[in-house]
C-alpha atoms as a PDB file:
ATOM      1  CA  MET A   1       0.000   0.000   0.000  1.00  0.00           C
ATOM      2  CA  THR A   2       1.080   3.629  -0.461  1.00  0.00           C
ATOM      3  CA  GLY A   3       2.257   5.903   2.328  1.00  0.00           C
ATOM      4  CA  LYS A   4      -1.291   7.203   2.725  1.00  0.00           C
ATOM      5  CA  GLU A   5      -3.256   6.409   5.876  1.00  0.00           C
ATOM      6  CA  GLN A   6      -5.009   3.058   5.782  1.00  0.00           C
ATOM      7  CA  ALA A   7      -8.800   3.303   5.521  1.00  0.00           C
ATOM      8  CA  LEU A   8      -9.733  -0.368   5.401  1.00  0.00           C
ATOM      9  CA  ALA A   9      -7.884  -3.626   5.932  1.00  0.00           C
ATOM     10  CA  CYS A  10      -8.796  -7.280   5.379  1.00  0.00           C
ATOM     11  CA  GLU A  11      -6.637  -9.409   7.652  1.00  0.00           C
ATOM     12  CA  ASP A  12      -6.421 -13.151   6.996  1.00  0.00           C
ATOM     13  CA  LEU A  13     -10.069 -13.011   5.939  1.00  0.00           C
ATOM     14  CA  ARG A  14     -11.364 -16.503   5.154  1.00  0.00           C
ATOM     15  CA  PHE A  15     -14.598 -17.523   3.471  1.00  0.00           C
ATOM     16  CA  ARG A  16     -16.174 -20.682   2.088  1.00  0.00           C
ATOM     17  CA  TYR A  17     -19.429 -20.989   0.156  1.00  0.00           C
ATOM     18  CA  GLY A  18     -20.128 -24.412   1.651  1.00  0.00           C
ATOM     19  CA  GLY A  19     -19.953 -28.025   0.585  1.00  0.00           C
ATOM     20  CA  ASP A  20     -16.685 -28.944  -1.080  1.00  0.00           C
ATOM     21  CA  SER A  21     -15.917 -25.409  -2.251  1.00  0.00           C
ATOM     22  CA  ALA A  22     -12.371 -24.234  -1.702  1.00  0.00           C
ATOM     23  CA  GLU A  23     -11.638 -21.775   1.070  1.00  0.00           C
ATOM     24  CA  MET A  24     -10.919 -18.227  -0.049  1.00  0.00           C
ATOM     25  CA  ARG A  25      -8.365 -16.139   1.832  1.00  0.00           C
ATOM     26  CA  PHE A  26      -7.862 -12.392   1.539  1.00  0.00           C
ATOM     27  CA  ASP A  27      -5.119 -10.165   2.906  1.00  0.00           C
ATOM     28  CA  CYS A  28      -5.146  -6.619   1.583  1.00  0.00           C
ATOM     29  CA  ALA A  29      -5.417  -2.982   2.621  1.00  0.00           C
ATOM     30  CA  PHE A  30      -6.917   0.096   1.014  1.00  0.00           C
ATOM     31  CA  ALA A  31      -5.527   3.602   1.378  1.00  0.00           C
ATOM     32  CA  GLU A  32      -7.734   6.458   2.482  1.00  0.00           C
ATOM     33  CA  GLY A  33      -8.891   8.694  -0.357  1.00  0.00           C
ATOM     34  CA  GLU A  34      -7.611   6.399  -3.096  1.00  0.00           C
ATOM     35  CA  ILE A  35      -9.307   4.489  -5.916  1.00  0.00           C
ATOM     36  CA  THR A  36      -8.372   0.805  -5.886  1.00  0.00           C
ATOM     37  CA  ALA A  37      -9.415  -1.672  -8.574  1.00  0.00           C
ATOM     38  CA  LEU A  38     -10.028  -5.370  -7.903  1.00  0.00           C
ATOM     39  CA  VAL A  39      -9.031  -7.233 -11.064  1.00  0.00           C
ATOM     40  CA  GLY A  40      -8.806 -10.912 -11.958  1.00  0.00           C
ATOM     41  CA  PRO A  41     -10.406 -13.728 -13.925  1.00  0.00           C
ATOM     42  CA  SER A  42     -14.003 -14.821 -13.392  1.00  0.00           C
ATOM     43  CA  GLY A  43     -14.363 -16.769 -10.155  1.00  0.00           C
ATOM     44  CA  SER A  44     -11.199 -15.290  -8.667  1.00  0.00           C
ATOM     45  CA  GLY A  45     -12.997 -13.876  -5.626  1.00  0.00           C
ATOM     46  CA  LYS A  46     -13.412 -10.202  -6.586  1.00  0.00           C
ATOM     47  CA  SER A  47     -17.139 -10.007  -5.891  1.00  0.00           C
ATOM     48  CA  THR A  48     -16.799 -12.230  -2.823  1.00  0.00           C
ATOM     49  CA  LEU A  49     -14.241  -9.864  -1.321  1.00  0.00           C
ATOM     50  CA  ILE A  50     -16.350  -6.781  -1.949  1.00  0.00           C
ATOM     51  CA  ASN A  51     -19.452  -8.552  -0.565  1.00  0.00           C
ATOM     52  CA  LEU A  52     -17.518  -9.426   2.592  1.00  0.00           C
ATOM     53  CA  ILE A  53     -16.550  -5.776   2.992  1.00  0.00           C
ATOM     54  CA  ALA A  54     -20.167  -4.698   2.441  1.00  0.00           C
ATOM     55  CA  GLY A  55     -21.505  -7.310   4.873  1.00  0.00           C
ATOM     56  CA  PHE A  56     -23.543  -9.302   2.350  1.00  0.00           C
ATOM     57  CA  GLU A  57     -21.309 -12.294   3.154  1.00  0.00           C
ATOM     58  CA  ILE A  58     -19.771 -13.082   6.548  1.00  0.00           C
ATOM     59  CA  ALA A  59     -16.237 -14.420   6.909  1.00  0.00           C
ATOM     60  CA  VAL A  60     -15.492 -17.717   8.634  1.00  0.00           C
ATOM     61  CA  SER A  61     -12.488 -16.099  10.313  1.00  0.00           C
ATOM     62  CA  GLY A  62     -10.187 -13.117  10.045  1.00  0.00           C
ATOM     63  CA  LYS A  63     -10.972  -9.438  10.416  1.00  0.00           C
ATOM     64  CA  ILE A  64     -12.130  -6.419   8.461  1.00  0.00           C
ATOM     65  CA  ARG A  65     -10.913  -3.207  10.050  1.00  0.00           C
ATOM     66  CA  PHE A  66     -12.100   0.322   9.359  1.00  0.00           C
ATOM     67  CA  GLY A  67      -9.534   2.488  11.093  1.00  0.00           C
ATOM     68  CA  GLU A  68      -9.398   1.114  14.626  1.00  0.00           C
ATOM     69  CA  SER A  69     -12.855  -0.487  14.439  1.00  0.00           C
ATOM     70  CA  ASP A  70     -13.476  -4.180  13.788  1.00  0.00           C
ATOM     71  CA  ILE A  71     -16.466  -4.317  11.410  1.00  0.00           C
ATOM     72  CA  THR A  72     -16.153  -8.001  10.476  1.00  0.00           C
ATOM     73  CA  ARG A  73     -19.595  -8.867  11.825  1.00  0.00           C
ATOM     74  CA  ALA A  74     -21.205  -5.449  11.861  1.00  0.00           C
ATOM     75  CA  PRO A  75     -24.705  -5.232  10.328  1.00  0.00           C
ATOM     76  CA  VAL A  76     -24.800  -3.974   6.746  1.00  0.00           C
ATOM     77  CA  SER A  77     -26.543  -0.764   7.794  1.00  0.00           C
ATOM     78  CA  GLU A  78     -23.815   0.066  10.314  1.00  0.00           C
ATOM     79  CA  ARG A  79     -20.858  -0.348   7.972  1.00  0.00           C
ATOM     80  CA  PRO A  80     -19.079   2.737   6.596  1.00  0.00           C
ATOM     81  CA  VAL A  81     -19.774   1.713   3.001  1.00  0.00           C
ATOM     82  CA  SER A  82     -22.200   2.299   0.142  1.00  0.00           C
ATOM     83  CA  MET A  83     -22.359   0.028  -2.895  1.00  0.00           C
ATOM     84  CA  VAL A  84     -23.293   0.323  -6.570  1.00  0.00           C
ATOM     85  CA  PHE A  85     -24.164  -2.875  -8.452  1.00  0.00           C
ATOM     86  CA  GLN A  86     -24.261  -3.718 -12.156  1.00  0.00           C
ATOM     87  CA  GLU A  87     -28.051  -3.822 -11.851  1.00  0.00           C
ATOM     88  CA  ASN A  88     -29.120  -0.344 -10.826  1.00  0.00           C
ATOM     89  CA  ASN A  89     -32.025  -1.598  -8.643  1.00  0.00           C
ATOM     90  CA  LEU A  90     -34.159   1.461  -9.287  1.00  0.00           C
ATOM     91  CA  PHE A  91     -37.888   1.635  -8.641  1.00  0.00           C
ATOM     92  CA  SER A  92     -39.458   2.240 -12.040  1.00  0.00           C
ATOM     93  CA  HIS A  93     -42.651   3.782 -10.626  1.00  0.00           C
ATOM     94  CA  MET A  94     -40.795   6.366  -8.549  1.00  0.00           C
ATOM     95  CA  ARG A  95     -39.401   9.694  -9.676  1.00  0.00           C
ATOM     96  CA  VAL A  96     -35.657  10.097 -10.061  1.00  0.00           C
ATOM     97  CA  PHE A  97     -35.633  12.394  -7.014  1.00  0.00           C
ATOM     98  CA  ASP A  98     -37.370   9.793  -4.845  1.00  0.00           C
ATOM     99  CA  ASN A  99     -35.078   6.992  -6.029  1.00  0.00           C
ATOM    100  CA  VAL A 100     -32.106   9.046  -4.854  1.00  0.00           C
ATOM    101  CA  ALA A 101     -33.874  10.153  -1.665  1.00  0.00           C
ATOM    102  CA  LEU A 102     -34.176   6.508  -0.586  1.00  0.00           C
ATOM    103  CA  GLY A 103     -30.470   6.696   0.186  1.00  0.00           C
ATOM    104  CA  VAL A 104     -31.253   9.290   2.853  1.00  0.00           C
ATOM    105  CA  ALA A 105     -34.643   8.225   4.220  1.00  0.00           C
ATOM    106  CA  PRO A 106     -36.474   5.018   3.229  1.00  0.00           C
ATOM    107  CA  THR A 107     -39.721   6.675   4.332  1.00  0.00           C
ATOM    108  CA  LEU A 108     -39.075   9.566   1.902  1.00  0.00           C
ATOM    109  CA  ARG A 109     -39.872  12.009   4.700  1.00  0.00           C
ATOM    110  CA  LEU A 110     -37.078  14.485   4.128  1.00  0.00           C
ATOM    111  CA  ASN A 111     -36.302  17.729   5.893  1.00  0.00           C
ATOM    112  CA  GLY A 112     -34.934  20.739   4.060  1.00  0.00           C
ATOM    113  CA  GLU A 113     -31.273  19.798   4.529  1.00  0.00           C
ATOM    114  CA  GLU A 114     -31.910  16.282   3.247  1.00  0.00           C
ATOM    115  CA  ARG A 115     -33.733  17.575   0.166  1.00  0.00           C
ATOM    116  CA  ASP A 116     -30.752  19.819  -0.533  1.00  0.00           C
ATOM    117  CA  ARG A 117     -28.460  16.788  -0.256  1.00  0.00           C
ATOM    118  CA  VAL A 118     -30.512  14.923  -2.857  1.00  0.00           C
ATOM    119  CA  GLU A 119     -30.466  17.897  -5.227  1.00  0.00           C
ATOM    120  CA  ALA A 120     -26.705  18.266  -4.733  1.00  0.00           C
ATOM    121  CA  ALA A 121     -26.169  14.572  -5.500  1.00  0.00           C
ATOM    122  CA  LEU A 122     -28.158  14.920  -8.736  1.00  0.00           C
ATOM    123  CA  VAL A 123     -25.987  17.884  -9.702  1.00  0.00           C
ATOM    124  CA  SER A 124     -22.834  15.855  -8.940  1.00  0.00           C
ATOM    125  CA  VAL A 125     -23.852  13.087 -11.356  1.00  0.00           C
ATOM    126  CA  GLY A 126     -24.995  15.463 -14.090  1.00  0.00           C
ATOM    127  CA  LEU A 127     -28.742  14.990 -13.592  1.00  0.00           C
ATOM    128  CA  ALA A 128     -29.769  18.441 -12.393  1.00  0.00           C
ATOM    129  CA  GLY A 129     -33.348  19.024 -13.516  1.00  0.00           C
ATOM    130  CA  TYR A 130     -34.111  15.304 -13.923  1.00  0.00           C
ATOM    131  CA  GLY A 131     -35.742  14.852 -10.513  1.00  0.00           C
ATOM    132  CA  ALA A 132     -39.341  14.698 -11.762  1.00  0.00           C
ATOM    133  CA  ARG A 133     -38.665  12.102 -14.461  1.00  0.00           C
ATOM    134  CA  LEU A 134     -39.147   8.341 -14.216  1.00  0.00           C
ATOM    135  CA  PRO A 135     -36.190   5.961 -14.665  1.00  0.00           C
ATOM    136  CA  GLY A 136     -37.787   4.440 -17.775  1.00  0.00           C
ATOM    137  CA  GLU A 137     -37.490   7.794 -19.518  1.00  0.00           C
ATOM    138  CA  LEU A 138     -33.713   7.752 -19.173  1.00  0.00           C
ATOM    139  CA  SER A 139     -30.891   5.891 -20.914  1.00  0.00           C
ATOM    140  CA  GLY A 140     -28.932   3.046 -19.333  1.00  0.00           C
ATOM    141  CA  GLY A 141     -26.050   5.350 -18.501  1.00  0.00           C
ATOM    142  CA  GLU A 142     -28.380   7.899 -16.954  1.00  0.00           C
ATOM    143  CA  ARG A 143     -30.001   5.211 -14.815  1.00  0.00           C
ATOM    144  CA  GLN A 144     -26.585   4.243 -13.490  1.00  0.00           C
ATOM    145  CA  ARG A 145     -26.054   7.898 -12.638  1.00  0.00           C
ATOM    146  CA  ILE A 146     -29.205   7.723 -10.500  1.00  0.00           C
ATOM    147  CA  ALA A 147     -27.835   4.660  -8.699  1.00  0.00           C
ATOM    148  CA  LEU A 148     -24.547   6.467  -8.136  1.00  0.00           C
ATOM    149  CA  ALA A 149     -26.353   9.532  -6.769  1.00  0.00           C
ATOM    150  CA  ARG A 150     -28.338   7.329  -4.382  1.00  0.00           C
ATOM    151  CA  VAL A 151     -25.192   5.978  -2.745  1.00  0.00           C
ATOM    152  CA  ILE A 152     -23.185   9.195  -2.588  1.00  0.00           C
ATOM    153  CA  VAL A 153     -26.086  11.005  -0.912  1.00  0.00           C
ATOM    154  CA  ARG A 154     -25.599   8.669   2.056  1.00  0.00           C
ATOM    155  CA  ARG A 155     -22.194  10.254   2.719  1.00  0.00           C
ATOM    156  CA  LYS A 156     -20.443   7.038   3.659  1.00  0.00           C
ATOM    157  CA  PRO A 157     -16.627   7.276   3.532  1.00  0.00           C
ATOM    158  CA  ILE A 158     -16.126   4.134   1.419  1.00  0.00           C
ATOM    159  CA  LEU A 159     -17.710   3.560  -1.990  1.00  0.00           C
ATOM    160  CA  LEU A 160     -17.863   0.020  -3.403  1.00  0.00           C
ATOM    161  CA  LEU A 161     -18.694  -0.783  -7.027  1.00  0.00           C
ATOM    162  CA  ASP A 162     -19.264  -4.327  -8.278  1.00  0.00           C
ATOM    163  CA  GLU A 163     -18.981  -4.267 -12.085  1.00  0.00           C
ATOM    164  CA  ALA A 164     -21.190  -1.179 -11.923  1.00  0.00           C
ATOM    165  CA  PHE A 165     -20.595  -0.114 -15.526  1.00  0.00           C
ATOM    166  CA  ALA A 166     -19.909  -3.503 -17.133  1.00  0.00           C
ATOM    167  CA  SER A 167     -23.098  -3.527 -19.214  1.00  0.00           C
ATOM    168  CA  LEU A 168     -22.316  -0.178 -20.846  1.00  0.00           C
ATOM    169  CA  GLY A 169     -20.495   0.261 -24.143  1.00  0.00           C
ATOM    170  CA  PRO A 170     -16.826   1.354 -24.129  1.00  0.00           C
ATOM    171  CA  ALA A 171     -17.485   5.066 -24.749  1.00  0.00           C
ATOM    172  CA  LEU A 172     -20.249   5.353 -22.149  1.00  0.00           C
ATOM    173  CA  ARG A 173     -18.290   3.236 -19.680  1.00  0.00           C
ATOM    174  CA  GLY A 174     -15.358   5.617 -20.039  1.00  0.00           C
ATOM    175  CA  GLU A 175     -17.671   8.565 -19.454  1.00  0.00           C
ATOM    176  CA  MET A 176     -19.007   6.981 -16.273  1.00  0.00           C
ATOM    177  CA  LEU A 177     -15.500   6.191 -15.032  1.00  0.00           C
ATOM    178  CA  ASP A 178     -14.472   9.811 -15.516  1.00  0.00           C
ATOM    179  CA  LEU A 179     -17.591  10.897 -13.626  1.00  0.00           C
ATOM    180  CA  LEU A 180     -16.765   8.466 -10.823  1.00  0.00           C
ATOM    181  CA  SER A 181     -13.214   9.827 -10.625  1.00  0.00           C
ATOM    182  CA  SER A 182     -14.543  13.384 -10.424  1.00  0.00           C
ATOM    183  CA  ILE A 183     -17.038  12.505  -7.666  1.00  0.00           C
ATOM    184  CA  HIS A 184     -14.337  10.585  -5.807  1.00  0.00           C
ATOM    185  CA  ASP A 185     -12.070  13.646  -5.808  1.00  0.00           C
ATOM    186  CA  GLU A 186     -14.900  16.044  -4.949  1.00  0.00           C
ATOM    187  CA  ARG A 187     -16.108  14.025  -1.964  1.00  0.00           C
ATOM    188  CA  ARG A 188     -12.722  12.618  -0.899  1.00  0.00           C
ATOM    189  CA  MET A 189     -13.980   9.070  -0.601  1.00  0.00           C
ATOM    190  CA  THR A 190     -12.122   5.789  -0.532  1.00  0.00           C
ATOM    191  CA  THR A 191     -13.282   3.873  -3.606  1.00  0.00           C
ATOM    192  CA  ILE A 192     -12.962   0.140  -4.303  1.00  0.00           C
ATOM    193  CA  MET A 193     -14.198  -1.080  -7.672  1.00  0.00           C
ATOM    194  CA  VAL A 194     -14.490  -4.563  -9.138  1.00  0.00           C
ATOM    195  CA  THR A 195     -13.862  -4.689 -12.869  1.00  0.00           C
ATOM    196  CA  HIS A 196     -12.950  -7.305 -15.454  1.00  0.00           C
ATOM    197  CA  PHE A 197     -11.644  -4.586 -17.780  1.00  0.00           C
ATOM    198  CA  PRO A 198      -7.957  -3.837 -17.031  1.00  0.00           C
ATOM    199  CA  GLU A 199      -8.300  -0.633 -19.066  1.00  0.00           C
ATOM    200  CA  ASP A 200     -10.853   0.634 -16.535  1.00  0.00           C
ATOM    201  CA  ALA A 201      -8.327   0.216 -13.742  1.00  0.00           C
ATOM    202  CA  ARG A 202      -5.646   1.945 -15.799  1.00  0.00           C
ATOM    203  CA  ARG A 203      -8.002   4.840 -16.454  1.00  0.00           C
ATOM    204  CA  ILE A 204      -8.817   5.879 -12.882  1.00  0.00           C
ATOM    205  CA  ALA A 205      -7.359   3.538 -10.225  1.00  0.00           C
ATOM    206  CA  ALA A 206      -4.210   4.552  -8.372  1.00  0.00           C
ATOM    207  CA  ARG A 207      -3.715   0.977  -7.164  1.00  0.00           C
ATOM    208  CA  THR A 208      -4.849  -2.453  -8.279  1.00  0.00           C
ATOM    209  CA  VAL A 209      -5.323  -5.675  -6.339  1.00  0.00           C
ATOM    210  CA  PHE A 210      -5.090  -8.779  -8.543  1.00  0.00           C
ATOM    211  CA  LEU A 211      -6.968 -11.885  -7.409  1.00  0.00           C
ATOM    212  CA  ALA A 212      -6.898 -15.488  -8.604  1.00  0.00           C
ATOM    213  CA  ASP A 213      -8.275 -18.715  -7.139  1.00  0.00           C
ATOM    214  CA  GLY A 214      -9.839 -16.958  -4.163  1.00  0.00           C
ATOM    215  CA  ALA A 215      -6.771 -15.087  -2.964  1.00  0.00           C
ATOM    216  CA  VAL A 216      -4.824 -11.882  -3.453  1.00  0.00           C
ATOM    217  CA  VAL A 217      -1.940 -12.758  -5.771  1.00  0.00           C
ATOM    218  CA  ALA A 218      -0.429  -9.318  -6.319  1.00  0.00           C
ATOM    219  CA  GLU A 219      -1.093  -5.668  -5.580  1.00  0.00           C
ATOM    220  CA  GLY A 220       0.605  -2.398  -6.377  1.00  0.00           C
ATOM    221  CA  PRO A 221       0.446   0.818  -8.378  1.00  0.00           C
ATOM    222  CA  THR A 222      -1.843   0.253 -11.356  1.00  0.00           C
ATOM    223  CA  GLY A 223       0.646   1.583 -13.881  1.00  0.00           C
ATOM    224  CA  THR A 224       3.197  -1.015 -12.772  1.00  0.00           C
ATOM    225  CA  LEU A 225       0.976  -3.980 -11.952  1.00  0.00           C
ATOM    226  CA  LEU A 226      -0.990  -3.870 -15.212  1.00  0.00           C
ATOM    227  CA  ASP A 227       1.944  -3.126 -17.499  1.00  0.00           C
ATOM    228  CA  HIS A 228       3.125  -6.073 -19.600  1.00  0.00           C
ATOM    229  CA  ASP A 229       6.770  -5.183 -18.988  1.00  0.00           C
ATOM    230  CA  THR A 230       6.545  -4.990 -15.193  1.00  0.00           C
ATOM    231  CA  ALA A 231       3.584  -7.214 -14.280  1.00  0.00           C
ATOM    232  CA  PRO A 232       4.123 -10.451 -12.308  1.00  0.00           C
ATOM    233  CA  ASP A 233       3.743 -13.634 -14.360  1.00  0.00           C
ATOM    234  CA  ALA A 234       0.192 -14.362 -13.148  1.00  0.00           C
ATOM    235  CA  VAL A 235      -0.964 -10.879 -14.084  1.00  0.00           C
ATOM    236  CA  ARG A 236       0.851 -10.942 -17.421  1.00  0.00           C
ATOM    237  CA  SER A 237      -0.861 -14.223 -18.267  1.00  0.00           C
ATOM    238  CA  TYR A 238      -4.239 -12.677 -17.430  1.00  0.00           C
ATOM    239  CA  LEU A 239      -3.463  -9.654 -19.595  1.00  0.00           C
ATOM    240  CA  GLY A 240      -2.705 -11.974 -22.495  1.00  0.00           C
ATOM    241  CA  GLY A 241       0.978 -12.000 -23.042  1.00  0.00           C
END
């Protein structure tokens, strides 16, 4: 990890899906205020790791630390994270404003400050003036912007993305990555994103963690780790050369 202060650490974190499945083991740390990409082949453990951090899966042993706090078994709602999925999980019958407002108050009973937060989040993702529309009236990229606004309005310090833009075409995916980078810098979050596109990591991630067979195989600065000339053998093989 860089010399920056550590925001989150997974220490000898072990997980098994059950039956005869192999045990996964994760040891890695994420620097505060940095974008880190989780990269690796399908089935390598990328989504499992991010689900453990989010609390959607619970480790058999090991620890997840946020600063000095052990959050390994903390309820999802009490973790310092928000998450964006590939499926935007929007409510089609609800206005864009209300879809975002769910991130603040599930009852949609907002005070003035909370309404301002929702409006500010819509501005941050480039959807100012879209609040009265329905999700079905928007493009796929715009719907992902709604999902992104809904998580940033929660003001959690760590943002997780699990293949959030994978279904978008290359040009639109690049646009969303640039937007994510801008929001990350504006709000000074710690961002961890799962992607199966190495070019996405190269575009915005300061560091990359490479996983294979349910474990962290290598990690380091993205420009070094995902460069054919400097990558470890396992990463070079994944990159195709």
